[in-house]
C-alpha atoms as a PDB file:
ATOM      1  CA  UNK A   1      28.493 141.288 -67.151  1.00  0.00           C
ATOM      2  CA  UNK A   2      26.137 141.911 -70.059  1.00  0.00           C
ATOM      3  CA  UNK A   3      27.156 143.532 -73.326  1.00  0.00           C
ATOM      4  CA  UNK A   4      25.234 146.627 -74.362  1.00  0.00           C
ATOM      5  CA  UNK A   5      23.206 144.592 -76.863  1.00  0.00           C
ATOM      6  CA  UNK A   6      22.316 142.049 -74.189  1.00  0.00           C
ATOM      7  CA  UNK A   7      21.415 144.793 -71.736  1.00  0.00           C
ATOM      8  CA  UNK A   8      19.115 146.530 -74.243  1.00  0.00           C
ATOM      9  CA  UNK A   9      17.458 143.221 -75.065  1.00  0.00           C
ATOM     10  CA  UNK A  10      16.958 142.537 -71.364  1.00  0.00           C
ATOM     11  CA  UNK A  11      15.408 145.966 -70.783  1.00  0.00           C
ATOM     12  CA  UNK A  12      13.172 145.587 -73.847  1.00  0.00           C
ATOM     13  CA  UNK A  13      11.803 142.365 -72.434  1.00  0.00           C
ATOM     14  CA  UNK A  14      11.256 143.927 -69.028  1.00  0.00           C
ATOM     15  CA  UNK A  15       9.354 146.867 -70.542  1.00  0.00           C
ATOM     16  CA  UNK A  16       7.651 144.660 -73.159  1.00  0.00           C
ATOM     17  CA  UNK A  17       8.855 147.044 -75.837  1.00  0.00           C
ATOM     18  CA  UNK A  18       7.776 146.206 -79.398  1.00  0.00           C
ATOM     19  CA  UNK A  19      10.125 147.911 -81.858  1.00  0.00           C
ATOM     20  CA  UNK A  20       7.789 147.030 -84.739  1.00  0.00           C
ATOM     21  CA  UNK A  21       4.958 149.096 -83.338  1.00  0.00           C
ATOM     22  CA  UNK A  22       5.173 152.177 -85.574  1.00  0.00           C
ATOM     23  CA  UNK A  23       2.624 154.058 -83.519  1.00  0.00           C
ATOM     24  CA  UNK A  24       5.105 154.059 -80.637  1.00  0.00           C
ATOM     25  CA  UNK A  25       8.161 154.801 -82.749  1.00  0.00           C
ATOM     26  CA  UNK A  26       9.154 158.013 -80.935  1.00  0.00           C
ATOM     27  CA  UNK A  27       8.466 156.481 -77.541  1.00  0.00           C
ATOM     28  CA  UNK A  28      10.549 153.429 -78.440  1.00  0.00           C
ATOM     29  CA  UNK A  29      13.444 155.562 -79.665  1.00  0.00           C
ATOM     30  CA  UNK A  30      13.421 157.443 -76.367  1.00  0.00           C
ATOM     31  CA  UNK A  31      13.323 154.172 -74.420  1.00  0.00           C
ATOM     32  CA  UNK A  32      16.286 152.751 -76.347  1.00  0.00           C
ATOM     33  CA  UNK A  33      18.288 155.913 -75.722  1.00  0.00           C
ATOM     34  CA  UNK A  34      17.422 155.644 -72.021  1.00  0.00           C
ATOM     35  CA  UNK A  35      18.644 152.033 -72.023  1.00  0.00           C
ATOM     36  CA  UNK A  36      22.004 153.143 -73.414  1.00  0.00           C
ATOM     37  CA  UNK A  37      22.391 155.829 -70.749  1.00  0.00           C
ATOM     38  CA  UNK A  38      21.361 153.345 -68.044  1.00  0.00           C
ATOM     39  CA  UNK A  39      23.944 150.874 -69.285  1.00  0.00           C
ATOM     40  CA  UNK A  40      26.875 153.276 -69.167  1.00  0.00           C
ATOM     41  CA  UNK A  41      25.848 155.389 -66.166  1.00  0.00           C
ATOM     42  CA  UNK A  42      24.359 152.773 -63.854  1.00  0.00           C
ATOM     43  CA  UNK A  43      24.874 149.177 -64.887  1.00  0.00           C
ATOM     44  CA  UNK A  44      28.616 149.325 -65.597  1.00  0.00           C
ATOM     45  CA  UNK A  45      29.351 151.268 -62.399  1.00  0.00           C
ATOM     46  CA  UNK A  46      27.293 148.922 -60.236  1.00  0.00           C
ATOM     47  CA  UNK A  47      28.868 145.849 -61.825  1.00  0.00           C
ATOM     48  CA  UNK A  48      32.327 147.255 -61.216  1.00  0.00           C
ATOM     49  CA  UNK A  49      31.490 147.972 -57.578  1.00  0.00           C
ATOM     50  CA  UNK A  50      30.067 144.476 -57.126  1.00  0.00           C
ATOM     51  CA  UNK A  51      33.197 142.980 -58.648  1.00  0.00           C
ATOM     52  CA  UNK A  52      35.444 145.035 -56.380  1.00  0.00           C
ATOM     53  CA  UNK A  53      33.369 144.021 -53.363  1.00  0.00           C
ATOM     54  CA  UNK A  54      33.712 140.342 -54.235  1.00  0.00           C
ATOM     55  CA  UNK A  55      37.462 140.630 -54.742  1.00  0.00           C
ATOM     56  CA  UNK A  56      37.894 142.614 -51.528  1.00  0.00           C
ATOM     57  CA  UNK A  57      35.883 140.100 -49.514  1.00  0.00           C
ATOM     58  CA  UNK A  58      38.032 137.300 -50.901  1.00  0.00           C
ATOM     59  CA  UNK A  59      41.144 139.242 -49.901  1.00  0.00           C
ATOM     60  CA  UNK A  60      39.847 139.839 -46.368  1.00  0.00           C
ATOM     61  CA  UNK A  61      38.744 136.230 -45.904  1.00  0.00           C
ATOM     62  CA  UNK A  62      42.163 135.026 -47.017  1.00  0.00           C
ATOM     63  CA  UNK A  63      43.797 137.309 -44.456  1.00  0.00           C
ATOM     64  CA  UNK A  64      41.394 136.244 -41.692  1.00  0.00           C
ATOM     65  CA  UNK A  65      42.352 132.598 -42.239  1.00  0.00           C
ATOM     66  CA  UNK A  66      45.927 133.534 -41.307  1.00  0.00           C
ATOM     67  CA  UNK A  67      44.768 134.751 -37.880  1.00  0.00           C
ATOM     68  CA  UNK A  68      43.526 131.492 -36.373  1.00  0.00           C
ATOM     69  CA  UNK A  69      45.659 131.838 -33.219  1.00  0.00           C
ATOM     70  CA  UNK A  70      44.056 135.152 -32.238  1.00  0.00           C
ATOM     71  CA  UNK A  71      40.807 135.785 -30.371  1.00  0.00           C
ATOM     72  CA  UNK A  72      37.747 136.899 -32.335  1.00  0.00           C
ATOM     73  CA  UNK A  73      38.032 140.495 -31.108  1.00  0.00           C
ATOM     74  CA  UNK A  74      41.657 140.703 -32.204  1.00  0.00           C
ATOM     75  CA  UNK A  75      40.806 139.103 -35.551  1.00  0.00           C
ATOM     76  CA  UNK A  76      38.066 141.662 -36.162  1.00  0.00           C
ATOM     77  CA  UNK A  77      40.402 144.547 -35.345  1.00  0.00           C
ATOM     78  CA  UNK A  78      43.221 143.207 -37.520  1.00  0.00           C
ATOM     79  CA  UNK A  79      40.913 142.553 -40.482  1.00  0.00           C
ATOM     80  CA  UNK A  80      39.243 145.956 -40.135  1.00  0.00           C
ATOM     81  CA  UNK A  81      42.645 147.664 -40.026  1.00  0.00           C
ATOM     82  CA  UNK A  82      43.805 145.682 -43.049  1.00  0.00           C
ATOM     83  CA  UNK A  83      40.621 146.576 -44.932  1.00  0.00           C
ATOM     84  CA  UNK A  84      40.847 150.301 -44.205  1.00  0.00           C
ATOM     85  CA  UNK A  85      44.609 150.852 -44.306  1.00  0.00           C
ATOM     86  CA  UNK A  86      46.168 147.828 -46.004  1.00  0.00           C
ATOM     87  CA  UNK A  87      48.507 147.069 -43.093  1.00  0.00           C
ATOM     88  CA  UNK A  88      48.935 143.585 -41.603  1.00  0.00           C
ATOM     89  CA  UNK A  89      49.471 144.768 -38.051  1.00  0.00           C
ATOM     90  CA  UNK A  90      50.024 141.262 -36.686  1.00  0.00           C
ATOM     91  CA  UNK A  91      53.098 140.927 -38.911  1.00  0.00           C
ATOM     92  CA  UNK A  92      54.293 144.467 -38.232  1.00  0.00           C
ATOM     93  CA  UNK A  93      54.045 144.092 -34.458  1.00  0.00           C
ATOM     94  CA  UNK A  94      55.420 140.554 -34.663  1.00  0.00           C
ATOM     95  CA  UNK A  95      58.516 141.780 -36.494  1.00  0.00           C
ATOM     96  CA  UNK A  96      59.079 144.450 -33.859  1.00  0.00           C
ATOM     97  CA  UNK A  97      58.839 141.891 -31.064  1.00  0.00           C
ATOM     98  CA  UNK A  98      61.202 139.539 -32.900  1.00  0.00           C
ATOM     99  CA  UNK A  99      63.867 142.231 -32.689  1.00  0.00           C
ATOM    100  CA  UNK A 100      63.643 142.228 -28.895  1.00  0.00           C
ATOM    101  CA  UNK A 101      65.887 139.404 -27.739  1.00  0.00           C
ATOM    102  CA  UNK A 102      64.343 139.484 -24.253  1.00  0.00           C
ATOM    103  CA  UNK A 103      60.695 139.233 -25.285  1.00  0.00           C
ATOM    104  CA  UNK A 104      60.395 135.442 -25.122  1.00  0.00           C
ATOM    105  CA  UNK A 105      61.843 135.512 -21.609  1.00  0.00           C
ATOM    106  CA  UNK A 106      59.180 137.916 -20.336  1.00  0.00           C
ATOM    107  CA  UNK A 107      56.504 136.466 -18.079  1.00  0.00           C
ATOM    108  CA  UNK A 108      54.919 139.140 -15.887  1.00  0.00           C
ATOM    109  CA  UNK A 109      52.056 141.521 -16.621  1.00  0.00           C
ATOM    110  CA  UNK A 110      54.313 144.406 -15.698  1.00  0.00           C
ATOM    111  CA  UNK A 111      56.863 143.443 -18.339  1.00  0.00           C
ATOM    112  CA  UNK A 112      54.202 143.143 -21.025  1.00  0.00           C
ATOM    113  CA  UNK A 113      52.619 146.478 -20.073  1.00  0.00           C
ATOM    114  CA  UNK A 114      56.006 148.168 -20.091  1.00  0.00           C
ATOM    115  CA  UNK A 115      56.861 146.927 -23.567  1.00  0.00           C
ATOM    116  CA  UNK A 116      53.373 147.875 -24.763  1.00  0.00           C
ATOM    117  CA  UNK A 117      53.856 151.467 -23.601  1.00  0.00           C
ATOM    118  CA  UNK A 118      57.265 151.575 -25.247  1.00  0.00           C
ATOM    119  CA  UNK A 119      56.226 150.244 -28.650  1.00  0.00           C
ATOM    120  CA  UNK A 120      52.853 151.963 -28.856  1.00  0.00           C
ATOM    121  CA  UNK A 121      54.381 155.447 -28.850  1.00  0.00           C
ATOM    122  CA  UNK A 122      56.578 154.469 -31.783  1.00  0.00           C
ATOM    123  CA  UNK A 123      53.818 152.716 -33.708  1.00  0.00           C
ATOM    124  CA  UNK A 124      51.385 155.627 -33.636  1.00  0.00           C
ATOM    125  CA  UNK A 125      54.039 157.888 -35.142  1.00  0.00           C
ATOM    126  CA  UNK A 126      54.496 155.541 -38.089  1.00  0.00           C
ATOM    127  CA  UNK A 127      50.847 154.453 -38.300  1.00  0.00           C
ATOM    128  CA  UNK A 128      48.764 157.463 -37.201  1.00  0.00           C
ATOM    129  CA  UNK A 129      45.496 155.564 -37.609  1.00  0.00           C
ATOM    130  CA  UNK A 130      46.413 153.582 -34.472  1.00  0.00           C
ATOM    131  CA  UNK A 131      46.100 156.661 -32.315  1.00  0.00           C
ATOM    132  CA  UNK A 132      42.698 156.900 -30.709  1.00  0.00           C
ATOM    133  CA  UNK A 133      40.323 159.755 -30.098  1.00  0.00           C
ATOM    134  CA  UNK A 134      42.261 160.980 -27.075  1.00  0.00           C
ATOM    135  CA  UNK A 135      45.519 161.221 -28.989  1.00  0.00           C
ATOM    136  CA  UNK A 136      43.769 163.064 -31.816  1.00  0.00           C
ATOM    137  CA  UNK A 137      42.224 165.457 -29.286  1.00  0.00           C
ATOM    138  CA  UNK A 138      45.605 166.131 -27.661  1.00  0.00           C
ATOM    139  CA  UNK A 139      47.254 166.798 -31.004  1.00  0.00           C
ATOM    140  CA  UNK A 140      44.413 168.990 -32.283  1.00  0.00           C
ATOM    141  CA  UNK A 141      44.436 171.040 -29.075  1.00  0.00           C
ATOM    142  CA  UNK A 142      48.163 171.588 -29.313  1.00  0.00           C
ATOM    143  CA  UNK A 143      47.947 172.523 -32.989  1.00  0.00           C
ATOM    144  CA  UNK A 144      44.934 174.849 -32.769  1.00  0.00           C
ATOM    145  CA  UNK A 145      45.404 176.411 -29.335  1.00  0.00           C
ATOM    146  CA  UNK A 146      49.020 175.758 -28.387  1.00  0.00           C
ATOM    147  CA  UNK A 147      47.866 174.057 -25.177  1.00  0.00           C
ATOM    148  CA  UNK A 148      49.645 170.942 -23.930  1.00  0.00           C
ATOM    149  CA  UNK A 149      46.911 169.028 -22.119  1.00  0.00           C
ATOM    150  CA  UNK A 150      49.309 166.309 -20.992  1.00  0.00           C
ATOM    151  CA  UNK A 151      51.569 168.857 -19.322  1.00  0.00           C
ATOM    152  CA  UNK A 152      48.548 170.436 -17.641  1.00  0.00           C
ATOM    153  CA  UNK A 153      47.281 167.104 -16.299  1.00  0.00           C
ATOM    154  CA  UNK A 154      50.730 166.064 -15.082  1.00  0.00           C
ATOM    155  CA  UNK A 155      51.266 169.399 -13.329  1.00  0.00           C
ATOM    156  CA  UNK A 156      47.873 169.152 -11.651  1.00  0.00           C
ATOM    157  CA  UNK A 157      48.536 165.603 -10.452  1.00  0.00           C
ATOM    158  CA  UNK A 158      51.950 166.592  -9.151  1.00  0.00           C
ATOM    159  CA  UNK A 159      50.282 169.125  -6.846  1.00  0.00           C
ATOM    160  CA  UNK A 160      47.468 166.702  -6.068  1.00  0.00           C
ATOM    161  CA  UNK A 161      49.926 163.998  -5.030  1.00  0.00           C
ATOM    162  CA  UNK A 162      51.693 166.241  -2.528  1.00  0.00           C
ATOM    163  CA  UNK A 163      48.586 167.881  -1.089  1.00  0.00           C
ATOM    164  CA  UNK A 164      46.048 165.513   0.432  1.00  0.00           C
ATOM    165  CA  UNK A 165      43.826 168.491   1.253  1.00  0.00           C
ATOM    166  CA  UNK A 166      42.865 168.363  -2.431  1.00  0.00           C
ATOM    167  CA  UNK A 167      41.760 164.752  -2.123  1.00  0.00           C
ATOM    168  CA  UNK A 168      38.064 163.929  -1.787  1.00  0.00           C
ATOM    169  CA  UNK A 169      37.415 162.904   1.801  1.00  0.00           C
ATOM    170  CA  UNK A 170      35.970 159.527   0.818  1.00  0.00           C
ATOM    171  CA  UNK A 171      39.073 158.745  -1.247  1.00  0.00           C
ATOM    172  CA  UNK A 172      41.525 158.994   1.638  1.00  0.00           C
ATOM    173  CA  UNK A 173      42.833 155.692   2.967  1.00  0.00           C
ATOM    174  CA  UNK A 174      44.696 155.915   6.255  1.00  0.00           C
ATOM    175  CA  UNK A 175      48.005 154.074   6.120  1.00  0.00           C
ATOM    176  CA  UNK A 176      50.519 153.002   8.712  1.00  0.00           C
ATOM    177  CA  UNK A 177      54.285 152.778   8.499  1.00  0.00           C
ATOM    178  CA  UNK A 178      54.391 155.433   5.820  1.00  0.00           C
ATOM    179  CA  UNK A 179      55.675 158.970   5.574  1.00  0.00           C
ATOM    180  CA  UNK A 180      52.138 159.966   4.574  1.00  0.00           C
ATOM    181  CA  UNK A 181      48.989 159.769   6.642  1.00  0.00           C
ATOM    182  CA  UNK A 182      46.836 158.742   3.685  1.00  0.00           C
ATOM    183  CA  UNK A 183      46.887 157.017   0.347  1.00  0.00           C
ATOM    184  CA  UNK A 184      44.607 158.138  -2.447  1.00  0.00           C
ATOM    185  CA  UNK A 185      42.050 155.450  -3.297  1.00  0.00           C
ATOM    186  CA  UNK A 186      42.064 155.734  -7.076  1.00  0.00           C
ATOM    187  CA  UNK A 187      39.756 152.720  -7.423  1.00  0.00           C
ATOM    188  CA  UNK A 188      36.728 154.802  -6.489  1.00  0.00           C
ATOM    189  CA  UNK A 189      34.085 155.142  -9.179  1.00  0.00           C
ATOM    190  CA  UNK A 190      33.436 158.892  -8.931  1.00  0.00           C
ATOM    191  CA  UNK A 191      35.303 162.176  -8.529  1.00  0.00           C
ATOM    192  CA  UNK A 192      38.693 160.650  -9.233  1.00  0.00           C
ATOM    193  CA  UNK A 193      41.566 163.015  -8.440  1.00  0.00           C
ATOM    194  CA  UNK A 194      39.093 165.746  -7.511  1.00  0.00           C
ATOM    195  CA  UNK A 195      37.967 166.106 -11.110  1.00  0.00           C
ATOM    196  CA  UNK A 196      34.471 167.220 -10.081  1.00  0.00           C
ATOM    197  CA  UNK A 197      35.977 170.405  -8.649  1.00  0.00           C
ATOM    198  CA  UNK A 198      38.570 170.888 -11.366  1.00  0.00           C
ATOM    199  CA  UNK A 199      36.406 170.389 -14.442  1.00  0.00           C
ATOM    200  CA  UNK A 200      33.911 173.258 -13.848  1.00  0.00           C
ATOM    201  CA  UNK A 201      36.858 175.650 -13.604  1.00  0.00           C
ATOM    202  CA  UNK A 202      38.097 174.785 -17.101  1.00  0.00           C
ATOM    203  CA  UNK A 203      35.007 173.461 -18.916  1.00  0.00           C
ATOM    204  CA  UNK A 204      34.375 176.776 -20.697  1.00  0.00           C
ATOM    205  CA  UNK A 205      37.507 176.227 -22.778  1.00  0.00           C
ATOM    206  CA  UNK A 206      36.474 175.023 -26.265  1.00  0.00           C
ATOM    207  CA  UNK A 207      39.054 172.233 -26.204  1.00  0.00           C
ATOM    208  CA  UNK A 208      37.943 171.069 -22.728  1.00  0.00           C
ATOM    209  CA  UNK A 209      34.160 171.213 -23.006  1.00  0.00           C
ATOM    210  CA  UNK A 210      32.729 167.695 -23.174  1.00  0.00           C
ATOM    211  CA  UNK A 211      36.118 166.089 -22.527  1.00  0.00           C
ATOM    212  CA  UNK A 212      35.792 165.313 -18.820  1.00  0.00           C
ATOM    213  CA  UNK A 213      36.093 161.574 -19.429  1.00  0.00           C
ATOM    214  CA  UNK A 214      39.212 162.056 -21.541  1.00  0.00           C
ATOM    215  CA  UNK A 215      40.819 164.113 -18.790  1.00  0.00           C
ATOM    216  CA  UNK A 216      40.010 161.451 -16.208  1.00  0.00           C
ATOM    217  CA  UNK A 217      41.594 158.764 -18.392  1.00  0.00           C
ATOM    218  CA  UNK A 218      44.739 160.864 -18.758  1.00  0.00           C
ATOM    219  CA  UNK A 219      44.824 161.411 -15.013  1.00  0.00           C
ATOM    220  CA  UNK A 220      44.574 157.704 -14.324  1.00  0.00           C
ATOM    221  CA  UNK A 221      47.252 156.916 -16.896  1.00  0.00           C
ATOM    222  CA  UNK A 222      49.749 159.371 -15.411  1.00  0.00           C
ATOM    223  CA  UNK A 223      48.852 158.479 -11.832  1.00  0.00           C
ATOM    224  CA  UNK A 224      49.552 154.807 -12.390  1.00  0.00           C
ATOM    225  CA  UNK A 225      52.561 155.318 -14.621  1.00  0.00           C
ATOM    226  CA  UNK A 226      54.309 158.182 -12.842  1.00  0.00           C
ATOM    227  CA  UNK A 227      53.061 158.390  -9.258  1.00  0.00           C
ATOM    228  CA  UNK A 228      51.754 155.134  -7.813  1.00  0.00           C
ATOM    229  CA  UNK A 229      52.704 152.260 -10.100  1.00  0.00           C
ATOM    230  CA  UNK A 230      50.226 150.243 -12.107  1.00  0.00           C
ATOM    231  CA  UNK A 231      49.691 147.130  -9.953  1.00  0.00           C
ATOM    232  CA  UNK A 232      47.495 145.741 -12.717  1.00  0.00           C
ATOM    233  CA  UNK A 233      44.739 148.315 -12.266  1.00  0.00           C
ATOM    234  CA  UNK A 234      45.069 150.074 -15.632  1.00  0.00           C
ATOM    235  CA  UNK A 235      43.479 147.200 -17.546  1.00  0.00           C
ATOM    236  CA  UNK A 236      40.623 146.950 -15.033  1.00  0.00           C
ATOM    237  CA  UNK A 237      40.022 150.678 -15.278  1.00  0.00           C
ATOM    238  CA  UNK A 238      39.865 150.597 -19.074  1.00  0.00           C
ATOM    239  CA  UNK A 239      37.415 147.701 -18.972  1.00  0.00           C
ATOM    240  CA  UNK A 240      35.131 149.753 -16.716  1.00  0.00           C
ATOM    241  CA  UNK A 241      35.385 152.782 -19.002  1.00  0.00           C
ATOM    242  CA  UNK A 242      34.660 150.808 -22.166  1.00  0.00           C
ATOM    243  CA  UNK A 243      31.747 148.937 -20.595  1.00  0.00           C
ATOM    244  CA  UNK A 244      30.346 152.291 -19.450  1.00  0.00           C
ATOM    245  CA  UNK A 245      30.576 153.620 -23.019  1.00  0.00           C
ATOM    246  CA  UNK A 246      28.688 150.581 -24.340  1.00  0.00           C
ATOM    247  CA  UNK A 247      25.900 151.185 -21.831  1.00  0.00           C
END
């Protein structure tokens, strides 16, 4: 970082200012005053920002080196979270898992999904930035309008589950040796849970308009968690949703 004298000298050379030219005395005085203002208002601030950027990058690189066992996507998320919020989530989550004496004995996808559901709800309460857009939407809707979207979706699915007349015809799978004639094929790509009929009825609500995809995701979550059982489909569904968003 330059001193003020060094900065003025540098600017004089850049502008080819000759302080001994008496004919330009007033112009030179003005230029020197401008140099002083530039130094304090621009140069010092920019230098400070550059210094902070360098130090922050060093801090982030040091943290990234501690994450060698994780995939690149996980590394990026952990570093981004650390940069924005200052939390080392790998250590925080690791400490939580260490407290579970059964964790190292777990081996199935179902066990890992179950523990993920359990810990996620607790983590987002302590670290709100972990909650995604859907959670923020649910909370905002409850706060502003007093409407519990989750309760609405669950109630709708409860009726949907017991009434196959509500099911899209192409989503009905005939089953044998069951108390029901059909199963709902929730792996279809369109009109899941009859949402194409439901959404127009509620889309005029300010907290619903434009949220059809969010509602579908909630429906799938509750359907797999409360009505049918996951069977590994939740992860596949999310992959399809995220790839659709990227397109």
